[in-house]
Amino acid sequence: MLGRRLLVLAVVLVGLAVLAASVAPRESTGPEVRTQASPPALSPGPAEATAARPATDEVPGEPPLQRIDAGKGFSPIAVEVGERIRLAIFNSRVSSVQVGRDGPIESIDPVSPARFDLLYSTAGRREVRLYGPGLSNPKVIGALEVRPAA
């Protein structure tokens, strides 16, 4: 008899948890930014993906988004110790990208840039390396110059 009561109580608690989860507000991944009056294409190809990129990914209260394009030359991005930096890295081929020698690694493809939100506590140079098919060694496509705080 006690076993049945506990089973009914467990079922009721699971039902309440499901109900609470269904009515709770969902976290948004960020505001949607549109820079064009017309809606974007449903499935852009590699050549169209570059043109369909929004001109800005600025979010109020967030640091500006820094961009690195793997196919172009680069100049180092300067940041101070303790300052957050947001990076979006674009490439026309499927590959992986890493910030720093022991930093995070993210996948990248023509439609989805790799995105990083970084904060460094020590000064130094962090190279941005591209790993992928056809590359026997990683290719340096950018760098972060982390300077001591002023």
C-alpha atoms as a PDB file:
ATOM      1  CA  MET A   1       0.000   0.000   0.000  1.00  0.00           C
ATOM      2  CA  LEU A   2       2.813   2.405   0.887  1.00  0.00           C
ATOM      3  CA  GLY A   3       4.564   1.582  -2.378  1.00  0.00           C
ATOM      4  CA  ARG A   4       1.501   2.608  -4.400  1.00  0.00           C
ATOM      5  CA  ARG A   5       1.226   5.911  -2.537  1.00  0.00           C
ATOM      6  CA  LEU A   6       4.893   6.690  -3.183  1.00  0.00           C
ATOM      7  CA  LEU A   7       4.475   5.794  -6.857  1.00  0.00           C
ATOM      8  CA  VAL A   8       1.439   8.086  -7.185  1.00  0.00           C
ATOM      9  CA  LEU A   9       3.340  10.887  -5.416  1.00  0.00           C
ATOM     10  CA  ALA A  10       6.301  10.445  -7.796  1.00  0.00           C
ATOM     11  CA  VAL A  11       4.012  10.575 -10.848  1.00  0.00           C
ATOM     12  CA  VAL A  12       2.328  13.739  -9.536  1.00  0.00           C
ATOM     13  CA  LEU A  13       5.718  15.407  -8.899  1.00  0.00           C
ATOM     14  CA  VAL A  14       6.972  14.537 -12.390  1.00  0.00           C
ATOM     15  CA  GLY A  15       3.728  15.896 -13.852  1.00  0.00           C
ATOM     16  CA  LEU A  16       4.174  19.171 -11.945  1.00  0.00           C
ATOM     17  CA  ALA A  17       7.779  19.451 -13.138  1.00  0.00           C
ATOM     18  CA  VAL A  18       6.696  18.949 -16.766  1.00  0.00           C
ATOM     19  CA  LEU A  19       3.966  21.558 -16.345  1.00  0.00           C
ATOM     20  CA  ALA A  20       6.389  24.059 -14.806  1.00  0.00           C
ATOM     21  CA  ALA A  21       8.922  23.502 -17.586  1.00  0.00           C
ATOM     22  CA  SER A  22       6.303  24.020 -20.281  1.00  0.00           C
ATOM     23  CA  VAL A  23       5.122  27.386 -18.931  1.00  0.00           C
ATOM     24  CA  ALA A  24       8.538  28.763 -17.915  1.00  0.00           C
ATOM     25  CA  PRO A  25      10.013  31.406 -20.268  1.00  0.00           C
ATOM     26  CA  ARG A  26      12.768  30.128 -22.531  1.00  0.00           C
ATOM     27  CA  GLU A  27      16.202  31.713 -22.688  1.00  0.00           C
ATOM     28  CA  SER A  28      16.883  33.523 -25.918  1.00  0.00           C
ATOM     29  CA  THR A  29      20.283  33.102 -27.601  1.00  0.00           C
ATOM     30  CA  GLY A  30      20.372  36.825 -28.300  1.00  0.00           C
ATOM     31  CA  PRO A  31      18.452  39.426 -30.176  1.00  0.00           C
ATOM     32  CA  GLU A  32      17.823  38.854 -33.839  1.00  0.00           C
ATOM     33  CA  VAL A  33      19.501  41.534 -35.912  1.00  0.00           C
ATOM     34  CA  ARG A  34      18.284  42.254 -39.438  1.00  0.00           C
ATOM     35  CA  THR A  35      19.857  44.847 -41.639  1.00  0.00           C
ATOM     36  CA  GLN A  36      17.834  44.212 -44.787  1.00  0.00           C
ATOM     37  CA  ALA A  37      14.204  45.090 -45.462  1.00  0.00           C
ATOM     38  CA  SER A  38      13.652  41.829 -47.342  1.00  0.00           C
ATOM     39  CA  PRO A  39      13.889  38.464 -45.562  1.00  0.00           C
ATOM     40  CA  PRO A  40      17.139  36.507 -46.049  1.00  0.00           C
ATOM     41  CA  ALA A  41      17.332  33.486 -48.349  1.00  0.00           C
ATOM     42  CA  LEU A  42      16.347  30.205 -46.720  1.00  0.00           C
ATOM     43  CA  SER A  43      19.504  28.300 -47.571  1.00  0.00           C
ATOM     44  CA  PRO A  44      22.344  30.465 -48.854  1.00  0.00           C
ATOM     45  CA  GLY A  45      25.223  28.800 -50.652  1.00  0.00           C
ATOM     46  CA  PRO A  46      28.858  29.533 -49.740  1.00  0.00           C
ATOM     47  CA  ALA A  47      29.035  32.587 -52.014  1.00  0.00           C
ATOM     48  CA  GLU A  48      25.732  33.945 -50.717  1.00  0.00           C
ATOM     49  CA  ALA A  49      26.606  33.315 -47.058  1.00  0.00           C
ATOM     50  CA  THR A  50      29.135  36.146 -47.048  1.00  0.00           C
ATOM     51  CA  ALA A  51      26.639  38.567 -48.593  1.00  0.00           C
ATOM     52  CA  ALA A  52      23.830  37.536 -46.211  1.00  0.00           C
ATOM     53  CA  ARG A  53      25.855  38.362 -43.079  1.00  0.00           C
ATOM     54  CA  PRO A  54      24.324  41.134 -41.005  1.00  0.00           C
ATOM     55  CA  ALA A  55      26.347  44.343 -40.970  1.00  0.00           C
ATOM     56  CA  THR A  56      26.318  44.483 -37.179  1.00  0.00           C
ATOM     57  CA  ASP A  57      25.977  42.071 -34.302  1.00  0.00           C
ATOM     58  CA  GLU A  58      26.068  44.797 -31.681  1.00  0.00           C
ATOM     59  CA  VAL A  59      24.217  44.028 -28.482  1.00  0.00           C
ATOM     60  CA  PRO A  60      23.533  46.821 -25.981  1.00  0.00           C
ATOM     61  CA  GLY A  61      25.754  46.444 -22.923  1.00  0.00           C
ATOM     62  CA  GLU A  62      28.106  43.988 -24.648  1.00  0.00           C
ATOM     63  CA  PRO A  63      31.563  44.677 -26.076  1.00  0.00           C
ATOM     64  CA  PRO A  64      31.654  45.194 -29.852  1.00  0.00           C
ATOM     65  CA  LEU A  65      31.936  42.076 -31.999  1.00  0.00           C
ATOM     66  CA  GLN A  66      35.384  41.744 -33.594  1.00  0.00           C
ATOM     67  CA  ARG A  67      35.519  39.858 -36.909  1.00  0.00           C
ATOM     68  CA  ILE A  68      38.259  37.753 -38.470  1.00  0.00           C
ATOM     69  CA  ASP A  69      37.966  36.402 -42.018  1.00  0.00           C
ATOM     70  CA  ALA A  70      40.224  33.380 -42.564  1.00  0.00           C
ATOM     71  CA  GLY A  71      40.654  34.185 -46.255  1.00  0.00           C
ATOM     72  CA  LYS A  72      42.051  37.683 -45.711  1.00  0.00           C
ATOM     73  CA  GLY A  73      45.179  39.106 -44.164  1.00  0.00           C
ATOM     74  CA  PHE A  74      44.981  40.320 -40.593  1.00  0.00           C
ATOM     75  CA  SER A  75      46.238  42.891 -38.166  1.00  0.00           C
ATOM     76  CA  PRO A  76      46.317  41.935 -34.483  1.00  0.00           C
ATOM     77  CA  ILE A  77      43.321  42.854 -32.336  1.00  0.00           C
ATOM     78  CA  ALA A  78      44.356  44.750 -29.202  1.00  0.00           C
ATOM     79  CA  VAL A  79      42.613  44.086 -25.882  1.00  0.00           C
ATOM     80  CA  GLU A  80      43.515  44.884 -22.269  1.00  0.00           C
ATOM     81  CA  VAL A  81      43.820  42.369 -19.444  1.00  0.00           C
ATOM     82  CA  GLY A  82      40.405  41.978 -17.821  1.00  0.00           C
ATOM     83  CA  GLU A  83      38.528  43.299 -20.860  1.00  0.00           C
ATOM     84  CA  ARG A  84      35.983  40.982 -22.527  1.00  0.00           C
ATOM     85  CA  ILE A  85      36.268  40.420 -26.247  1.00  0.00           C
ATOM     86  CA  ARG A  86      33.673  38.898 -28.559  1.00  0.00           C
ATOM     87  CA  LEU A  87      35.013  37.262 -31.734  1.00  0.00           C
ATOM     88  CA  ALA A  88      33.287  35.957 -34.854  1.00  0.00           C
ATOM     89  CA  ILE A  89      35.553  34.044 -37.234  1.00  0.00           C
ATOM     90  CA  PHE A  90      34.425  33.352 -40.800  1.00  0.00           C
ATOM     91  CA  ASN A  91      35.739  30.857 -43.345  1.00  0.00           C
ATOM     92  CA  SER A  92      34.530  29.602 -46.715  1.00  0.00           C
ATOM     93  CA  ARG A  93      35.359  25.957 -45.859  1.00  0.00           C
ATOM     94  CA  VAL A  94      34.469  23.568 -43.056  1.00  0.00           C
ATOM     95  CA  SER A  95      37.232  23.555 -40.462  1.00  0.00           C
ATOM     96  CA  SER A  96      38.044  24.298 -36.819  1.00  0.00           C
ATOM     97  CA  VAL A  97      39.574  27.367 -35.239  1.00  0.00           C
ATOM     98  CA  GLN A  98      41.457  27.799 -31.952  1.00  0.00           C
ATOM     99  CA  VAL A  99      42.301  30.977 -30.031  1.00  0.00           C
ATOM    100  CA  GLY A 100      45.652  30.639 -28.250  1.00  0.00           C
ATOM    101  CA  ARG A 101      47.811  27.557 -27.978  1.00  0.00           C
ATOM    102  CA  ASP A 102      45.639  25.993 -25.258  1.00  0.00           C
ATOM    103  CA  GLY A 103      42.446  27.979 -25.815  1.00  0.00           C
ATOM    104  CA  PRO A 104      38.987  26.925 -26.893  1.00  0.00           C
ATOM    105  CA  ILE A 105      38.353  25.229 -30.257  1.00  0.00           C
ATOM    106  CA  GLU A 106      35.165  25.843 -32.257  1.00  0.00           C
ATOM    107  CA  SER A 107      33.954  24.416 -35.556  1.00  0.00           C
ATOM    108  CA  ILE A 108      33.395  26.752 -38.479  1.00  0.00           C
ATOM    109  CA  ASP A 109      31.658  26.473 -41.854  1.00  0.00           C
ATOM    110  CA  PRO A 110      30.568  28.865 -44.625  1.00  0.00           C
ATOM    111  CA  VAL A 111      27.169  29.533 -43.026  1.00  0.00           C
ATOM    112  CA  SER A 112      28.038  29.412 -39.294  1.00  0.00           C
ATOM    113  CA  PRO A 113      30.976  31.440 -38.014  1.00  0.00           C
ATOM    114  CA  ALA A 114      32.887  30.336 -34.940  1.00  0.00           C
ATOM    115  CA  ARG A 115      31.996  32.590 -32.009  1.00  0.00           C
ATOM    116  CA  PHE A 116      34.081  33.243 -28.924  1.00  0.00           C
ATOM    117  CA  ASP A 117      33.488  35.312 -25.782  1.00  0.00           C
ATOM    118  CA  LEU A 118      36.873  35.663 -24.092  1.00  0.00           C
ATOM    119  CA  LEU A 119      38.389  37.277 -21.001  1.00  0.00           C
ATOM    120  CA  TYR A 120      42.128  37.114 -20.281  1.00  0.00           C
ATOM    121  CA  SER A 121      43.821  37.677 -16.928  1.00  0.00           C
ATOM    122  CA  THR A 122      47.400  37.754 -18.247  1.00  0.00           C
ATOM    123  CA  ALA A 123      49.090  39.756 -20.983  1.00  0.00           C
ATOM    124  CA  GLY A 124      50.515  38.122 -24.106  1.00  0.00           C
ATOM    125  CA  ARG A 125      49.876  37.281 -27.737  1.00  0.00           C
ATOM    126  CA  ARG A 126      47.211  34.675 -28.556  1.00  0.00           C
ATOM    127  CA  GLU A 127      47.318  33.461 -32.155  1.00  0.00           C
ATOM    128  CA  VAL A 128      44.115  32.390 -33.888  1.00  0.00           C
ATOM    129  CA  ARG A 129      44.803  29.126 -35.732  1.00  0.00           C
ATOM    130  CA  LEU A 130      42.762  27.434 -38.429  1.00  0.00           C
ATOM    131  CA  TYR A 131      42.708  23.609 -38.579  1.00  0.00           C
ATOM    132  CA  GLY A 132      41.090  21.745 -41.416  1.00  0.00           C
ATOM    133  CA  PRO A 133      41.295  19.465 -44.415  1.00  0.00           C
ATOM    134  CA  GLY A 134      44.222  20.207 -46.672  1.00  0.00           C
ATOM    135  CA  LEU A 135      46.223  21.888 -43.898  1.00  0.00           C
ATOM    136  CA  SER A 136      49.160  19.797 -42.687  1.00  0.00           C
ATOM    137  CA  ASN A 137      49.945  22.465 -40.081  1.00  0.00           C
ATOM    138  CA  PRO A 138      47.534  24.954 -38.559  1.00  0.00           C
ATOM    139  CA  LYS A 139      47.334  28.272 -40.398  1.00  0.00           C
ATOM    140  CA  VAL A 140      47.594  31.475 -38.330  1.00  0.00           C
ATOM    141  CA  ILE A 141      44.693  33.699 -39.427  1.00  0.00           C
ATOM    142  CA  GLY A 142      44.696  36.288 -36.646  1.00  0.00           C
ATOM    143  CA  ALA A 143      46.046  37.288 -33.267  1.00  0.00           C
ATOM    144  CA  LEU A 144      44.936  38.880 -30.015  1.00  0.00           C
ATOM    145  CA  GLU A 145      47.423  41.224 -28.379  1.00  0.00           C
ATOM    146  CA  VAL A 146      46.492  41.234 -24.690  1.00  0.00           C
ATOM    147  CA  ARG A 147      48.124  44.277 -23.067  1.00  0.00           C
ATOM    148  CA  PRO A 148      48.481  45.003 -19.365  1.00  0.00           C
ATOM    149  CA  ALA A 149      45.630  47.136 -18.008  1.00  0.00           C
ATOM    150  CA  ALA A 150      46.391  50.840 -17.964  1.00  0.00           C
END
